[in-house]
Amino acid sequence: MKTRYVIRQLVEKALDIKKLTPEIENEINFELTETGYISDVDYEALELLMAEMDAGRIKLVPSLG
C-alpha cells in the first residue's frame, strides 16, 4: 500500500506560496478528520508549517486571491 502523505503535500503548497489559505487549512483538517490518523511524515510537515508561521515566514491569509 502506498501512502499519499496528502498533508505533507498541502504543507509544501503553503510553503511554496508562503501563505496558509483557508482552502489549504480546510483540506488539512479534512484529511485529519477523514483518516483519523496522522503519519510521521505528515506530522513532521505540520510541525515545520507551525515553526515557519511562528517565525513569520508563512502568513495566514483570508483567501488565495
Protein backbone atom coordinates (compact mmCIF):
# COMPACT_ATOMS: atom_id res chain seq x y z
CA MET A 1 0.00 0.00 0.00
CA LYS A 2 1.41 3.37 -0.98
CA THR A 3 0.86 6.24 1.44
CA ARG A 4 -0.01 9.53 -0.20
CA TYR A 5 1.12 11.97 2.53
CA VAL A 6 -1.57 14.43 1.48
CA ILE A 7 -0.95 16.71 4.45
CA ARG A 8 2.75 16.96 3.58
CA GLN A 9 1.79 17.93 0.03
CA LEU A 10 -0.56 20.61 1.34
CA VAL A 11 2.15 21.96 3.64
CA GLU A 12 4.57 22.05 0.70
CA LYS A 13 2.00 24.10 -1.20
CA ALA A 14 1.71 26.55 1.70
CA LEU A 15 5.49 26.79 1.95
CA ASP A 16 5.78 27.42 -1.81
CA ILE A 17 3.32 30.30 -1.79
CA LYS A 18 4.38 31.44 1.71
CA LYS A 19 0.72 31.57 2.75
CA LEU A 20 -1.68 29.37 4.66
CA THR A 21 -5.03 29.93 2.97
CA PRO A 22 -8.40 28.82 4.32
CA GLU A 23 -8.57 26.36 1.43
CA ILE A 24 -5.30 24.67 2.41
CA GLU A 25 -6.25 24.71 6.09
CA ASN A 26 -9.65 23.17 5.31
CA GLU A 27 -8.04 20.43 3.20
CA ILE A 28 -5.61 19.62 6.04
CA ASN A 29 -8.49 19.47 8.52
CA PHE A 30 -10.50 17.28 6.15
CA GLU A 31 -7.61 14.81 5.80
CA LEU A 32 -7.15 14.65 9.57
CA THR A 33 -10.87 14.06 10.07
CA GLU A 34 -11.21 11.50 7.27
CA THR A 35 -8.27 9.34 8.20
CA GLY A 36 -8.36 9.81 11.97
CA TYR A 37 -4.61 9.19 11.88
CA ILE A 38 -1.53 11.19 11.01
CA SER A 39 1.64 9.64 9.64
CA ASP A 40 5.04 10.61 10.98
CA VAL A 41 5.82 12.34 7.67
CA ASP A 42 2.63 14.42 7.80
CA TYR A 43 3.18 15.21 11.49
CA GLU A 44 6.69 16.49 10.78
CA ALA A 45 5.33 18.58 7.91
CA LEU A 46 2.76 20.17 10.22
CA GLU A 47 5.47 20.88 12.80
CA LEU A 48 7.51 22.61 10.09
CA LEU A 49 4.49 24.64 8.99
CA MET A 50 3.83 25.79 12.55
CA ALA A 51 7.51 26.70 13.05
CA GLU A 52 7.52 28.71 9.82
CA MET A 53 4.34 30.51 10.88
CA ASP A 54 5.81 31.25 14.33
CA ALA A 55 8.90 32.68 12.64
CA GLY A 56 6.72 34.90 10.44
CA ARG A 57 7.79 33.30 7.16
CA ILE A 58 4.30 31.92 6.43
CA LYS A 59 1.30 34.22 6.69
CA LEU A 60 -2.27 33.20 7.47
CA VAL A 61 -4.39 34.85 4.80
CA PRO A 62 -8.15 35.12 4.27
CA SER A 63 -8.06 33.61 0.75
CA LEU A 64 -5.71 32.62 -2.04
CA GLY A 65 -6.66 35.57 -4.24
